[in-house]
């Protein structure tokens, strides 16, 4: 069945959306970290110069924040793409 195959167009769009989302979410979360703590995020969370609380806090913020951003953006983009495809299929001349 053709419907069982992943849509190549969506795979490309989804990949690009994922890259853009990851970049934007990282920038936003870094901004939030700096505003909340008053310092830059730790570069190496394994370093003994970074406190355990700071390393864990940063890991939780980035892990949860990135995951939530990916879920929300991917679902929104997929819904928009599916609506666009449905509209294209019912529009005469396509």
C-alpha atoms as a PDB file:
ATOM      1  CA  UNK A   1       0.000   0.000   0.000  1.00  0.00           C
ATOM      2  CA  UNK A   2       1.235   3.458  -0.859  1.00  0.00           C
ATOM      3  CA  UNK A   3      -0.175   4.893   2.394  1.00  0.00           C
ATOM      4  CA  UNK A   4       2.186   2.722   4.460  1.00  0.00           C
ATOM      5  CA  UNK A   5       5.259   4.460   3.018  1.00  0.00           C
ATOM      6  CA  UNK A   6       6.473   7.597   4.741  1.00  0.00           C
ATOM      7  CA  UNK A   7       5.759  10.742   2.768  1.00  0.00           C
ATOM      8  CA  UNK A   8       9.133  11.902   1.426  1.00  0.00           C
ATOM      9  CA  UNK A   9       8.046  15.534   1.368  1.00  0.00           C
ATOM     10  CA  UNK A  10       6.999  15.387   5.023  1.00  0.00           C
ATOM     11  CA  UNK A  11      10.253  13.659   5.967  1.00  0.00           C
ATOM     12  CA  UNK A  12      12.234  16.516   4.418  1.00  0.00           C
ATOM     13  CA  UNK A  13      10.022  19.212   5.922  1.00  0.00           C
ATOM     14  CA  UNK A  14      10.000  17.435   9.295  1.00  0.00           C
ATOM     15  CA  UNK A  15      13.784  17.218   9.300  1.00  0.00           C
ATOM     16  CA  UNK A  16      14.157  20.912   8.520  1.00  0.00           C
ATOM     17  CA  UNK A  17      11.553  21.824  11.129  1.00  0.00           C
ATOM     18  CA  UNK A  18      13.428  19.678  13.652  1.00  0.00           C
ATOM     19  CA  UNK A  19      16.728  21.416  12.950  1.00  0.00           C
ATOM     20  CA  UNK A  20      15.195  24.874  13.188  1.00  0.00           C
ATOM     21  CA  UNK A  21      13.307  23.965  16.359  1.00  0.00           C
ATOM     22  CA  UNK A  22      16.416  22.579  18.030  1.00  0.00           C
ATOM     23  CA  UNK A  23      18.409  25.694  17.201  1.00  0.00           C
ATOM     24  CA  UNK A  24      15.680  28.114  18.336  1.00  0.00           C
ATOM     25  CA  UNK A  25      14.871  26.158  21.511  1.00  0.00           C
ATOM     26  CA  UNK A  26      18.532  26.057  22.514  1.00  0.00           C
ATOM     27  CA  UNK A  27      18.838  29.827  22.022  1.00  0.00           C
ATOM     28  CA  UNK A  28      15.667  30.474  24.033  1.00  0.00           C
ATOM     29  CA  UNK A  29      16.635  28.090  26.848  1.00  0.00           C
ATOM     30  CA  UNK A  30      20.116  29.607  27.057  1.00  0.00           C
ATOM     31  CA  UNK A  31      18.502  33.058  27.351  1.00  0.00           C
ATOM     32  CA  UNK A  32      16.173  31.760  30.099  1.00  0.00           C
ATOM     33  CA  UNK A  33      19.125  30.208  31.954  1.00  0.00           C
ATOM     34  CA  UNK A  34      21.119  33.454  31.872  1.00  0.00           C
ATOM     35  CA  UNK A  35      18.113  35.499  33.056  1.00  0.00           C
ATOM     36  CA  UNK A  36      17.314  33.043  35.857  1.00  0.00           C
ATOM     37  CA  UNK A  37      20.856  32.438  37.128  1.00  0.00           C
ATOM     38  CA  UNK A  38      22.714  35.569  36.043  1.00  0.00           C
ATOM     39  CA  UNK A  39      25.497  33.532  34.439  1.00  0.00           C
ATOM     40  CA  UNK A  40      26.235  31.632  31.273  1.00  0.00           C
ATOM     41  CA  UNK A  41      25.219  27.956  31.131  1.00  0.00           C
ATOM     42  CA  UNK A  42      27.904  25.432  32.034  1.00  0.00           C
ATOM     43  CA  UNK A  43      29.976  24.302  29.065  1.00  0.00           C
ATOM     44  CA  UNK A  44      31.072  21.037  30.665  1.00  0.00           C
ATOM     45  CA  UNK A  45      28.586  19.673  33.181  1.00  0.00           C
ATOM     46  CA  UNK A  46      31.116  16.947  34.104  1.00  0.00           C
ATOM     47  CA  UNK A  47      33.626  19.534  35.301  1.00  0.00           C
ATOM     48  CA  UNK A  48      34.259  19.604  39.068  1.00  0.00           C
ATOM     49  CA  UNK A  49      34.115  23.421  38.821  1.00  0.00           C
ATOM     50  CA  UNK A  50      30.373  23.179  38.071  1.00  0.00           C
ATOM     51  CA  UNK A  51      28.251  22.389  41.116  1.00  0.00           C
ATOM     52  CA  UNK A  52      26.123  19.262  41.014  1.00  0.00           C
ATOM     53  CA  UNK A  53      22.943  21.328  41.470  1.00  0.00           C
ATOM     54  CA  UNK A  54      23.876  23.600  38.562  1.00  0.00           C
ATOM     55  CA  UNK A  55      24.739  20.672  36.282  1.00  0.00           C
ATOM     56  CA  UNK A  56      21.489  18.849  37.084  1.00  0.00           C
ATOM     57  CA  UNK A  57      19.409  22.016  36.792  1.00  0.00           C
ATOM     58  CA  UNK A  58      20.868  22.793  33.397  1.00  0.00           C
ATOM     59  CA  UNK A  59      20.382  19.217  32.191  1.00  0.00           C
ATOM     60  CA  UNK A  60      16.739  19.208  33.323  1.00  0.00           C
ATOM     61  CA  UNK A  61      16.022  22.594  31.729  1.00  0.00           C
ATOM     62  CA  UNK A  62      17.601  21.618  28.412  1.00  0.00           C
ATOM     63  CA  UNK A  63      16.184  18.087  28.315  1.00  0.00           C
ATOM     64  CA  UNK A  64      12.608  19.003  29.171  1.00  0.00           C
ATOM     65  CA  UNK A  65      12.668  22.268  27.231  1.00  0.00           C
ATOM     66  CA  UNK A  66      14.027  20.720  24.035  1.00  0.00           C
ATOM     67  CA  UNK A  67      11.610  17.790  24.211  1.00  0.00           C
ATOM     68  CA  UNK A  68       8.571  19.991  24.783  1.00  0.00           C
ATOM     69  CA  UNK A  69       9.586  22.323  21.943  1.00  0.00           C
ATOM     70  CA  UNK A  70      10.065  19.396  19.544  1.00  0.00           C
ATOM     71  CA  UNK A  71       6.693  17.848  20.440  1.00  0.00           C
ATOM     72  CA  UNK A  72       4.734  21.092  20.108  1.00  0.00           C
ATOM     73  CA  UNK A  73       6.396  22.265  16.890  1.00  0.00           C
ATOM     74  CA  UNK A  74       6.371  18.839  15.204  1.00  0.00           C
ATOM     75  CA  UNK A  75       2.695  18.283  15.963  1.00  0.00           C
ATOM     76  CA  UNK A  76       1.770  21.756  14.757  1.00  0.00           C
ATOM     77  CA  UNK A  77       3.815  21.417  11.577  1.00  0.00           C
ATOM     78  CA  UNK A  78       2.365  17.959  10.849  1.00  0.00           C
ATOM     79  CA  UNK A  79      -1.205  19.203  11.285  1.00  0.00           C
ATOM     80  CA  UNK A  80      -0.532  22.126   8.942  1.00  0.00           C
ATOM     81  CA  UNK A  81       1.123  19.857   6.387  1.00  0.00           C
ATOM     82  CA  UNK A  82      -1.731  17.331   6.501  1.00  0.00           C
ATOM     83  CA  UNK A  83      -4.290  20.136   6.071  1.00  0.00           C
ATOM     84  CA  UNK A  84      -2.324  21.496   3.112  1.00  0.00           C
ATOM     85  CA  UNK A  85      -2.171  18.030   1.491  1.00  0.00           C
ATOM     86  CA  UNK A  86      -5.903  17.476   2.020  1.00  0.00           C
ATOM     87  CA  UNK A  87      -6.667  20.854   0.462  1.00  0.00           C
ATOM     88  CA  UNK A  88      -4.418  20.099  -2.494  1.00  0.00           C
ATOM     89  CA  UNK A  89      -6.135  16.773  -3.119  1.00  0.00           C
ATOM     90  CA  UNK A  90      -9.616  18.312  -3.312  1.00  0.00           C
ATOM     91  CA  UNK A  91      -8.599  21.357  -5.356  1.00  0.00           C
ATOM     92  CA  UNK A  92      -9.381  20.820  -9.053  1.00  0.00           C
ATOM     93  CA  UNK A  93      -6.447  20.867 -11.441  1.00  0.00           C
ATOM     94  CA  UNK A  94      -3.817  19.329  -9.125  1.00  0.00           C
END
